[in-house]
Amino acid sequence: MENTLDWEKLIRRMELLMRLKSFPVAFKMLEKKEELDKIPFMRRVEKKTTLCQLITLVRNFDWTVGAVPEDFISPMCPSIIGLTDTPEMYKDGTFRSIVWVKTRKDGKKYEESIQRLPLGKHEAVVMAPLVYKPFEPDIVLIYANPAQMMLLINSLQFENYEVMEFFCVGESSCSDAISRCYLTGKPSLTIPCYGERRYGHAQDEDMVMAIPAAMMEKALSGMETLYRRGVRYPISFAGAEQDLTSAFPLSYGGIGELETIRGKDDRLLLGVTGGIASGKSTASEMLKELGAHVIDFDVIARQVVEPGKPAWQGVVDYFGEQVLEEDKNLDRKKLSKIVFSDFEKRKKLEGFIHPRIHEEFVKQVNAIAQKEPCAIIQVVVPLLIELNLQYMFHKLMLVYIPEERQIERLAARDKISIEEAANILKAQLPIDEKKGYADYVVNNEQSVKETEKQVKKYGSL
């Protein structure tokens, strides 16, 4: 039962982003009941129980609990998770027809629709708060409200998109969540049933999702990225009676603006990005020699904050003249130190500068395209992916070097310590994550000729 993931770190971050009210539950089926004795902090309930009661003891009471078939009130719960067979009066529809359906025929149909784990493979079940890393789970149960679940669904769909299908047999929601997740290997969302509300104390607003343990990292990764894009919980209200134009993402309401950038001619916009000190300028110069025009966001960023310009004035009004050098230019190093560890101040600074950079960028793009409608325009943007600007370009090129070399180059270039350089790097997305966005990837760790070879190869595509 050795743990392979840092579950505490993963779960604590997910709890923060989703604002969860109860513990995500580690759920595992055991082949031998003796394995229960090896699990730390194990509690065995002394009275007969139900599966939903056990789940509640974990997610709200902070307990680690285990059970064997004899611990359950009736065969219903253990039969769904494969610990015991289903009695004949269940199979012929009698049991369900007593309360839940009109006829035994309906009851039989009901019973046949319930997903069950294979009989005979397991002798016990164990559950615990996953944050404590009690054992390596098979699946994870998360209870949350519909808005939180929508965020979780979006997070799971962010990479390798797949439409999600959810089911509800009615009573016996453990079949829809737990058993279906086991049998399909996919996340399964459902509405907690009447019994889970009555006996397991699920709240009116609760939904439950079972997620294969192997997909939890994917869920958190998607959630982190969506957070950076402004998709967060709690969800802010735009206002039912308001003009929502400014509240909608660009992909909904700003197609006209996007067309202004991409144009309706034969221009090609190539976004060039990479980690700090990775060699973007080198690759950009090579593309320029091949005939590509250059727009550099770093150059524009310096231009828009020249003394007296609107962006400069906004920065000075907010941060004060302490961020100015003697010649009235911004002291970029001092400003960087102020916003580096303060998210709110960083967003404020971006609010002054980024709109002005965007205006100048659009102006330069259209000036080039007006003279040359078939122009290849490379746009060098250091934090292109972090700022979610990839939608503006037809293609993306990523220039990278291994992290160790990147830290060394940055420390040497800026005359700072290795530790300071490493901390700066932490503020950017990992290169491996950035690669997933790129159409072209240039490894700049070898010779200039090798880099040039890669750039020319992409330049001919």
Protein backbone atom coordinates (compact mmCIF):
# COMPACT_ATOMS: atom_id res chain seq x y z
CA MET A 1 0.00 0.00 0.00
CA GLU A 2 2.95 2.29 -0.61
CA ASN A 3 1.99 5.82 -1.67
CA THR A 4 3.25 6.97 -5.06
CA LEU A 5 1.93 10.56 -5.04
CA ASP A 6 2.27 13.45 -2.63
CA TRP A 7 -1.43 13.28 -1.85
CA GLU A 8 -1.26 15.87 0.93
CA LYS A 9 0.10 18.57 -1.37
CA LEU A 10 -2.31 17.70 -4.17
CA ILE A 11 -5.41 17.54 -1.96
CA ARG A 12 -4.63 20.67 0.03
CA ARG A 13 -4.31 22.63 -3.22
CA MET A 14 -7.54 21.17 -4.59
CA GLU A 15 -9.38 21.92 -1.33
CA LEU A 16 -8.22 25.53 -1.60
CA LEU A 17 -9.22 25.98 -5.24
CA MET A 18 -12.59 24.27 -4.87
CA ARG A 19 -13.38 25.57 -1.35
CA LEU A 20 -14.44 22.07 -0.33
CA LYS A 21 -16.39 21.59 2.91
CA SER A 22 -15.44 17.96 3.49
CA PHE A 23 -12.43 15.69 2.97
CA PRO A 24 -11.90 13.98 -0.39
CA VAL A 25 -12.22 10.28 0.39
CA ALA A 26 -9.60 7.66 -0.49
CA PHE A 27 -11.53 4.49 -1.41
CA LYS A 28 -9.95 1.06 -1.83
CA MET A 29 -11.15 -2.51 -2.23
CA LEU A 30 -9.01 -5.12 -0.46
CA GLU A 31 -8.45 -8.67 -1.67
CA LYS A 32 -7.99 -9.98 1.89
CA LYS A 33 -9.77 -8.71 4.99
CA GLU A 34 -6.56 -9.15 7.00
CA GLU A 35 -5.16 -6.12 5.13
CA LEU A 36 -7.41 -3.91 7.25
CA ASP A 37 -5.16 -4.56 10.26
CA LYS A 38 -2.16 -3.04 8.45
CA ILE A 39 -3.77 0.36 7.87
CA PRO A 40 -2.91 3.15 10.38
CA PHE A 41 -5.65 4.69 12.55
CA MET A 42 -8.19 2.09 11.45
CA ARG A 43 -11.61 2.18 13.13
CA ARG A 44 -14.12 -0.63 12.85
CA VAL A 45 -17.73 0.32 13.57
CA GLU A 46 -19.35 -1.80 16.27
CA LYS A 47 -22.93 -1.55 14.96
CA LYS A 48 -24.35 -2.58 11.61
CA THR A 49 -23.74 0.13 9.03
CA THR A 50 -24.34 1.32 5.47
CA LEU A 51 -21.80 2.37 2.84
CA CYS A 52 -23.00 5.97 2.91
CA GLN A 53 -22.59 6.11 6.69
CA LEU A 54 -18.98 4.96 6.36
CA ILE A 55 -18.30 7.61 3.73
CA THR A 56 -19.70 10.29 6.05
CA LEU A 57 -17.50 9.14 8.93
CA VAL A 58 -14.52 9.72 6.64
CA ARG A 59 -15.38 12.98 4.90
CA ASN A 60 -16.90 14.75 7.92
CA PHE A 61 -15.63 12.93 11.05
CA ASP A 62 -12.03 12.60 9.82
CA TRP A 63 -11.99 8.83 10.43
CA THR A 64 -10.28 5.94 8.66
CA VAL A 65 -12.82 3.12 8.45
CA GLY A 66 -12.97 -0.39 7.05
CA ALA A 67 -15.69 -3.02 6.68
CA VAL A 68 -16.32 -6.62 5.68
CA PRO A 69 -19.66 -8.03 4.43
CA GLU A 70 -20.90 -8.89 7.93
CA ASP A 71 -20.63 -5.25 9.04
CA PHE A 72 -23.46 -4.07 6.76
CA ILE A 73 -27.17 -3.85 7.65
CA SER A 74 -28.30 -5.64 4.51
CA PRO A 75 -26.80 -7.18 1.36
CA MET A 76 -27.61 -4.08 -0.70
CA CYS A 77 -24.40 -2.11 0.02
CA PRO A 78 -21.87 -4.99 -0.03
CA SER A 79 -23.47 -6.49 -3.14
CA ILE A 80 -22.87 -3.27 -5.08
CA ILE A 81 -19.14 -3.30 -4.30
CA GLY A 82 -18.80 -7.04 -4.91
CA LEU A 83 -18.41 -8.22 -1.32
CA THR A 84 -21.49 -10.45 -1.37
CA ASP A 85 -24.04 -11.85 -3.81
CA THR A 86 -27.43 -10.29 -4.46
CA PRO A 87 -30.30 -12.21 -2.79
CA GLU A 88 -33.02 -13.70 -5.00
CA MET A 89 -35.67 -11.31 -3.65
CA TYR A 90 -33.52 -8.48 -5.00
CA LYS A 91 -32.94 -10.12 -8.37
CA ASP A 92 -36.63 -10.83 -9.03
CA GLY A 93 -37.63 -7.23 -8.27
CA THR A 94 -39.41 -7.84 -4.96
CA PHE A 95 -37.10 -5.65 -2.85
CA ARG A 96 -37.33 -2.56 -5.07
CA SER A 97 -41.10 -2.94 -5.53
CA ILE A 98 -41.73 -2.63 -1.78
CA VAL A 99 -40.92 1.11 -1.87
CA TRP A 100 -39.27 2.42 -5.00
CA VAL A 101 -41.23 1.19 -8.04
CA LYS A 102 -44.76 0.14 -8.95
CA THR A 103 -44.29 -3.51 -9.91
CA ARG A 104 -41.84 -6.36 -9.48
CA LYS A 105 -41.23 -6.13 -13.21
CA ASP A 106 -40.04 -2.55 -12.73
CA GLY A 107 -38.07 -3.68 -9.68
CA LYS A 108 -36.30 -6.37 -11.71
CA LYS A 109 -35.46 -3.83 -14.42
CA TYR A 110 -34.22 -1.46 -11.70
CA GLU A 111 -31.98 -4.12 -10.13
CA GLU A 112 -30.51 -5.11 -13.50
CA SER A 113 -29.54 -1.49 -14.19
CA ILE A 114 -27.37 -1.25 -11.07
CA GLN A 115 -23.64 -1.39 -11.70
CA ARG A 116 -21.85 -3.89 -9.43
CA LEU A 117 -18.23 -4.85 -8.91
CA PRO A 118 -17.39 -8.48 -9.74
CA LEU A 119 -18.21 -10.92 -6.95
CA GLY A 120 -15.39 -12.82 -5.24
CA LYS A 121 -12.43 -10.52 -6.00
CA HIS A 122 -12.45 -8.67 -2.67
CA GLU A 123 -13.14 -9.37 0.99
CA ALA A 124 -13.14 -5.86 2.50
CA VAL A 125 -13.38 -2.14 1.79
CA VAL A 126 -11.39 0.70 3.36
CA MET A 127 -11.83 4.48 3.27
CA ALA A 128 -9.89 7.40 4.73
CA PRO A 129 -9.27 11.14 4.24
CA LEU A 130 -6.90 11.13 1.28
CA VAL A 131 -4.98 14.13 2.57
CA TYR A 132 -3.35 11.94 5.23
CA LYS A 133 -1.88 9.57 2.62
CA PRO A 134 -3.25 6.46 4.42
CA PHE A 135 -2.85 4.09 1.46
CA GLU A 136 -2.80 4.21 -2.32
CA PRO A 137 -6.50 4.53 -3.29
CA ASP A 138 -8.29 2.95 -6.23
CA ILE A 139 -10.66 5.90 -6.60
CA VAL A 140 -11.32 9.23 -4.87
CA LEU A 141 -14.77 10.44 -3.80
CA ILE A 142 -15.40 14.18 -3.81
CA TYR A 143 -18.58 15.77 -2.47
CA ALA A 144 -19.34 19.30 -3.66
CA ASN A 145 -22.08 21.60 -4.90
CA PRO A 146 -23.04 21.91 -8.61
CA ALA A 147 -20.85 24.98 -9.22
CA GLN A 148 -17.81 23.28 -7.68
CA MET A 149 -18.53 20.14 -9.70
CA MET A 150 -18.72 22.17 -12.90
CA LEU A 151 -15.22 23.47 -12.16
CA LEU A 152 -14.02 19.91 -11.52
CA ILE A 153 -15.55 18.70 -14.79
CA ASN A 154 -13.93 21.56 -16.71
CA SER A 155 -10.61 20.71 -15.07
CA LEU A 156 -10.79 17.04 -16.09
CA GLN A 157 -11.76 18.02 -19.63
CA PHE A 158 -9.06 20.67 -20.05
CA GLU A 159 -6.50 18.29 -21.56
CA ASN A 160 -7.43 15.41 -23.88
CA TYR A 161 -11.03 16.57 -23.95
CA GLU A 162 -13.73 13.96 -23.64
CA VAL A 163 -17.45 14.45 -23.18
CA MET A 164 -18.65 13.13 -19.82
CA GLU A 165 -21.72 10.96 -19.43
CA PHE A 166 -23.37 10.73 -16.03
CA PHE A 167 -26.01 8.34 -14.74
CA CYS A 168 -28.62 8.05 -12.02
CA VAL A 169 -30.36 4.75 -11.27
CA GLY A 170 -32.34 6.54 -8.57
CA GLU A 171 -31.86 4.96 -5.16
CA SER A 172 -28.36 3.42 -4.69
CA SER A 173 -26.17 6.30 -5.87
CA CYS A 174 -23.09 4.33 -4.76
CA SER A 175 -23.67 2.24 -7.88
CA ASP A 176 -23.56 5.32 -10.12
CA ALA A 177 -20.48 6.82 -8.51
CA ILE A 178 -18.32 4.09 -7.03
CA SER A 179 -19.08 0.98 -9.10
CA ARG A 180 -19.37 2.80 -12.41
CA CYS A 181 -16.03 4.53 -11.85
CA TYR A 182 -14.36 1.21 -11.08
CA LEU A 183 -15.88 -0.52 -14.09
CA THR A 184 -15.31 2.23 -16.69
CA GLY A 185 -12.06 3.71 -15.39
CA LYS A 186 -13.60 7.17 -15.89
CA PRO A 187 -14.88 9.88 -13.54
CA SER A 188 -18.50 9.34 -12.56
CA LEU A 189 -20.74 12.09 -11.22
CA THR A 190 -24.17 11.56 -9.73
CA ILE A 191 -26.76 12.91 -7.31
CA PRO A 192 -26.61 11.37 -3.83
CA CYS A 193 -29.74 9.28 -3.39
CA TYR A 194 -32.50 9.54 -0.77
CA GLY A 195 -30.76 7.01 1.44
CA GLU A 196 -27.45 8.84 1.30
CA ARG A 197 -29.20 12.00 2.44
CA ARG A 198 -31.18 10.25 5.19
CA TYR A 199 -28.46 7.90 6.50
CA GLY A 200 -25.27 9.46 5.16
CA HIS A 201 -26.28 13.08 5.82
CA ALA A 202 -25.42 14.31 2.32
CA GLN A 203 -26.67 17.89 2.03
CA ASP A 204 -29.32 19.13 -0.39
CA GLU A 205 -26.70 20.90 -2.49
CA ASP A 206 -24.26 17.96 -2.52
CA MET A 207 -23.27 16.02 -5.60
CA VAL A 208 -20.67 13.25 -5.60
CA MET A 209 -17.98 12.36 -8.12
CA ALA A 210 -15.78 9.28 -8.08
CA ILE A 211 -12.46 9.83 -9.84
CA PRO A 212 -9.86 7.18 -10.67
CA ALA A 213 -6.85 7.93 -8.47
CA ALA A 214 -4.60 8.12 -11.53
CA MET A 215 -6.62 11.07 -12.88
CA MET A 216 -6.32 13.30 -9.80
CA GLU A 217 -3.12 15.00 -10.99
CA LYS A 218 -4.81 15.76 -14.30
CA ALA A 219 -7.78 17.27 -12.44
CA LEU A 220 -5.56 19.55 -10.36
CA SER A 221 -3.41 20.56 -13.34
CA GLY A 222 -6.49 21.57 -15.31
CA MET A 223 -7.87 23.44 -12.32
CA GLU A 224 -4.63 25.37 -11.83
CA THR A 225 -4.61 26.42 -15.48
CA LEU A 226 -8.27 27.44 -15.44
CA TYR A 227 -7.59 29.49 -12.30
CA ARG A 228 -4.90 31.43 -14.15
CA ARG A 229 -7.47 32.07 -16.90
CA GLY A 230 -10.00 33.44 -14.45
CA VAL A 231 -12.24 30.36 -14.16
CA ARG A 232 -12.57 29.99 -10.39
CA TYR A 233 -14.83 29.12 -7.51
CA PRO A 234 -16.83 30.85 -6.16
CA ILE A 235 -18.16 31.95 -9.51
CA SER A 236 -18.71 35.70 -9.69
CA PHE A 237 -22.03 36.98 -11.03
CA ALA A 238 -22.04 39.14 -14.13
CA GLY A 239 -25.66 40.26 -13.69
CA ALA A 240 -28.76 38.95 -15.47
CA GLU A 241 -29.92 42.42 -16.57
CA GLN A 242 -26.53 43.82 -17.54
CA ASP A 243 -24.63 44.13 -20.80
CA LEU A 244 -22.34 41.10 -20.54
CA THR A 245 -20.00 42.02 -23.39
CA SER A 246 -17.07 42.83 -21.10
CA ALA A 247 -17.70 39.84 -18.83
CA PHE A 248 -17.53 37.19 -21.55
CA PRO A 249 -14.19 35.65 -22.59
CA LEU A 250 -12.76 36.92 -25.86
CA SER A 251 -13.71 33.67 -27.62
CA TYR A 252 -17.40 34.54 -27.09
CA GLY A 253 -17.65 38.27 -27.56
CA GLY A 254 -14.40 39.42 -29.15
CA ILE A 255 -14.23 37.57 -32.46
CA GLY A 256 -14.13 40.90 -34.28
CA GLU A 257 -11.07 41.96 -32.28
CA LEU A 258 -9.39 38.62 -32.93
CA GLU A 259 -10.01 39.04 -36.66
CA THR A 260 -8.38 42.46 -36.45
CA ILE A 261 -5.21 40.76 -35.21
CA ARG A 262 -5.21 37.66 -37.41
CA GLY A 263 -6.67 39.52 -40.36
CA LYS A 264 -8.55 38.17 -43.36
CA ASP A 265 -5.51 38.22 -45.63
CA ASP A 266 -2.68 35.67 -45.86
CA ARG A 267 -0.60 36.95 -42.95
CA LEU A 268 0.78 34.36 -40.55
CA LEU A 269 1.29 35.24 -36.92
CA LEU A 270 3.86 33.12 -35.13
CA GLY A 271 4.03 33.47 -31.36
CA VAL A 272 7.59 32.89 -30.12
CA THR A 273 8.02 32.15 -26.44
CA GLY A 274 10.07 30.19 -23.93
CA GLY A 275 11.43 30.31 -20.43
CA ILE A 276 13.51 33.24 -19.22
CA ALA A 277 17.14 33.07 -20.48
CA SER A 278 16.29 30.19 -22.82
CA GLY A 279 17.43 31.86 -26.04
CA LYS A 280 14.25 33.31 -27.56
CA SER A 281 16.19 36.24 -29.00
CA THR A 282 18.62 33.89 -30.75
CA ALA A 283 15.81 31.95 -32.42
CA SER A 284 13.99 35.17 -33.26
CA GLU A 285 17.05 36.60 -35.01
CA MET A 286 17.34 33.42 -37.09
CA LEU A 287 13.69 33.71 -38.13
CA LYS A 288 14.30 37.34 -39.05
CA GLU A 289 17.16 36.29 -41.34
CA LEU A 290 14.72 33.90 -43.01
CA GLY A 291 12.43 36.85 -43.79
CA ALA A 292 10.04 36.98 -40.85
CA HIS A 293 9.08 40.38 -39.43
CA VAL A 294 9.62 40.87 -35.67
CA ILE A 295 7.40 42.36 -33.01
CA ASP A 296 8.93 42.10 -29.54
CA PHE A 297 6.66 42.54 -26.52
CA ASP A 298 9.67 43.39 -24.32
CA VAL A 299 10.48 46.33 -26.61
CA ILE A 300 6.85 47.47 -26.64
CA ALA A 301 6.68 47.09 -22.84
CA ARG A 302 9.57 49.53 -22.47
CA GLN A 303 8.05 51.97 -24.96
CA VAL A 304 4.62 52.20 -23.32
CA VAL A 305 6.07 53.12 -19.92
CA GLU A 306 8.28 55.93 -21.13
CA PRO A 307 7.94 59.01 -18.90
CA GLY A 308 4.68 60.87 -19.39
CA LYS A 309 2.85 58.11 -21.26
CA PRO A 310 -0.50 56.85 -19.87
CA ALA A 311 0.83 53.53 -18.59
CA TRP A 312 3.75 55.28 -16.88
CA GLN A 313 1.36 57.71 -15.21
CA GLY A 314 -0.87 54.90 -13.93
CA VAL A 315 2.10 53.07 -12.42
CA VAL A 316 3.44 56.19 -10.70
CA ASP A 317 0.02 57.21 -9.36
CA TYR A 318 -0.45 53.76 -7.78
CA PHE A 319 3.07 52.80 -6.63
CA GLY A 320 4.43 56.29 -5.98
CA GLU A 321 7.62 58.01 -7.12
CA GLN A 322 9.68 55.44 -5.17
CA VAL A 323 9.62 53.31 -8.33
CA LEU A 324 11.29 56.03 -10.43
CA GLU A 325 14.95 56.54 -11.22
CA GLU A 326 16.49 60.03 -11.26
CA ASP A 327 15.70 60.49 -14.97
CA LYS A 328 12.01 59.63 -14.27
CA ASN A 329 12.21 56.24 -15.99
CA LEU A 330 10.73 53.31 -14.08
CA ASP A 331 13.14 51.44 -11.85
CA ARG A 332 12.25 48.04 -13.24
CA LYS A 333 14.23 46.06 -10.65
CA LYS A 334 12.62 47.87 -7.73
CA LEU A 335 9.16 47.46 -9.27
CA SER A 336 9.84 43.77 -9.87
CA LYS A 337 10.74 43.24 -6.20
CA ILE A 338 7.53 44.95 -5.08
CA VAL A 339 5.21 42.82 -7.21
CA PHE A 340 7.14 39.54 -7.17
CA SER A 341 5.54 38.18 -4.00
CA ASP A 342 2.33 40.26 -4.06
CA PHE A 343 -0.26 38.83 -6.46
CA GLU A 344 -2.67 41.79 -6.14
CA LYS A 345 0.02 44.39 -6.88
CA ARG A 346 1.26 42.33 -9.81
CA LYS A 347 -2.24 42.23 -11.30
CA LYS A 348 -2.54 45.98 -10.77
CA LEU A 349 0.74 46.59 -12.60
CA GLU A 350 -0.39 44.36 -15.46
CA GLY A 351 -3.63 46.33 -15.63
CA PHE A 352 -1.71 49.54 -16.33
CA ILE A 353 0.70 48.06 -18.87
CA HIS A 354 -0.90 45.14 -20.73
CA PRO A 355 -3.76 47.07 -22.43
CA ARG A 356 -1.23 49.57 -23.80
CA ILE A 357 1.04 46.78 -25.03
CA HIS A 358 -1.95 45.19 -26.76
CA GLU A 359 -2.88 48.44 -28.50
CA GLU A 360 0.65 48.94 -29.82
CA PHE A 361 0.91 45.28 -30.85
CA VAL A 362 -2.29 45.46 -32.95
CA LYS A 363 -1.08 48.71 -34.49
CA GLN A 364 2.27 47.19 -35.52
CA VAL A 365 0.71 43.97 -36.87
CA ASN A 366 -1.66 45.83 -39.15
CA ALA A 367 1.03 48.26 -40.30
CA ILE A 368 3.17 45.31 -41.46
CA ALA A 369 0.23 43.46 -43.05
CA GLN A 370 -0.92 46.58 -44.89
CA LYS A 371 2.39 46.73 -46.71
CA GLU A 372 2.77 42.95 -47.05
CA PRO A 373 -0.51 40.95 -46.87
CA CYS A 374 1.37 37.63 -47.00
CA ALA A 375 3.81 38.59 -44.25
CA ILE A 376 5.11 36.12 -41.70
CA ILE A 377 5.10 38.06 -38.43
CA GLN A 378 6.87 36.60 -35.45
CA VAL A 379 5.77 38.02 -32.12
CA VAL A 380 8.19 37.43 -29.25
CA VAL A 381 6.28 37.20 -25.95
CA PRO A 382 8.18 35.92 -22.88
CA LEU A 383 5.06 34.97 -20.86
CA LEU A 384 2.80 34.21 -23.80
CA ILE A 385 1.30 31.04 -22.31
CA GLU A 386 1.17 32.32 -18.72
CA LEU A 387 -0.89 35.28 -19.97
CA ASN A 388 -3.12 33.00 -22.08
CA LEU A 389 -2.35 34.84 -25.33
CA GLN A 390 -1.93 31.76 -27.51
CA TYR A 391 -5.35 32.26 -29.12
CA MET A 392 -4.03 35.32 -30.99
CA PHE A 393 -1.54 33.40 -33.10
CA HIS A 394 -1.83 30.96 -35.96
CA LYS A 395 1.16 28.96 -34.68
CA LEU A 396 3.35 28.85 -31.56
CA MET A 397 7.09 28.21 -31.29
CA LEU A 398 8.64 27.34 -27.94
CA VAL A 399 12.37 27.77 -27.31
CA TYR A 400 13.75 25.96 -24.26
CA ILE A 401 16.80 24.64 -22.47
CA PRO A 402 16.94 22.25 -19.50
CA GLU A 403 16.02 23.91 -16.20
CA GLU A 404 19.50 23.52 -14.66
CA ARG A 405 21.13 25.40 -17.55
CA GLN A 406 18.34 27.96 -17.57
CA ILE A 407 19.00 28.79 -13.91
CA GLU A 408 22.74 29.06 -14.56
CA ARG A 409 22.24 31.36 -17.58
CA LEU A 410 19.79 33.59 -15.71
CA ALA A 411 22.09 33.90 -12.69
CA ALA A 412 25.05 34.79 -14.92
CA ARG A 413 23.05 37.19 -17.10
CA ASP A 414 21.43 39.15 -14.25
CA LYS A 415 24.35 38.76 -11.81
CA ILE A 416 22.19 37.11 -9.15
CA SER A 417 22.55 33.97 -7.05
CA ILE A 418 21.50 30.51 -8.17
CA GLU A 419 18.80 30.53 -5.46
CA GLU A 420 17.37 33.85 -6.68
CA ALA A 421 17.33 32.61 -10.26
CA ALA A 422 15.54 29.41 -9.23
CA ASN A 423 12.89 31.43 -7.37
CA ILE A 424 12.28 33.61 -10.44
CA LEU A 425 11.81 30.48 -12.53
CA LYS A 426 9.13 29.19 -10.14
CA ALA A 427 6.88 32.09 -11.18
CA GLN A 428 6.72 30.70 -14.73
CA LEU A 429 4.98 27.59 -16.00
CA PRO A 430 7.18 24.48 -16.23
CA ILE A 431 8.60 23.96 -19.70
CA ASP A 432 7.03 20.49 -19.98
CA GLU A 433 3.60 22.07 -19.55
CA LYS A 434 4.38 24.76 -22.12
CA LYS A 435 5.39 22.15 -24.68
CA GLY A 436 1.81 20.94 -24.80
CA TYR A 437 0.76 24.29 -26.32
CA ALA A 438 3.50 24.58 -28.95
CA ASP A 439 3.34 23.68 -32.64
CA TYR A 440 7.11 23.90 -32.93
CA VAL A 441 9.62 23.13 -30.16
CA VAL A 442 13.25 24.29 -30.40
CA ASN A 443 15.84 22.77 -28.04
CA ASN A 444 18.47 25.46 -27.58
CA GLU A 445 20.85 23.59 -25.27
CA GLN A 446 23.37 22.62 -27.95
CA SER A 447 25.33 24.64 -30.52
CA VAL A 448 24.07 27.67 -32.43
CA LYS A 449 24.25 25.61 -35.63
CA GLU A 450 22.02 22.92 -34.13
CA THR A 451 19.47 25.56 -33.08
CA GLU A 452 19.64 27.15 -36.53
CA LYS A 453 19.01 23.73 -38.10
CA GLN A 454 15.80 23.32 -36.07
CA VAL A 455 14.60 26.86 -36.81
CA LYS A 456 15.20 26.46 -40.56
CA LYS A 457 13.32 23.17 -40.51
CA TYR A 458 10.26 24.86 -39.00
CA GLY A 459 10.72 27.92 -41.18
CA SER A 460 10.23 25.76 -44.26
CA LEU A 461 6.91 24.31 -43.07
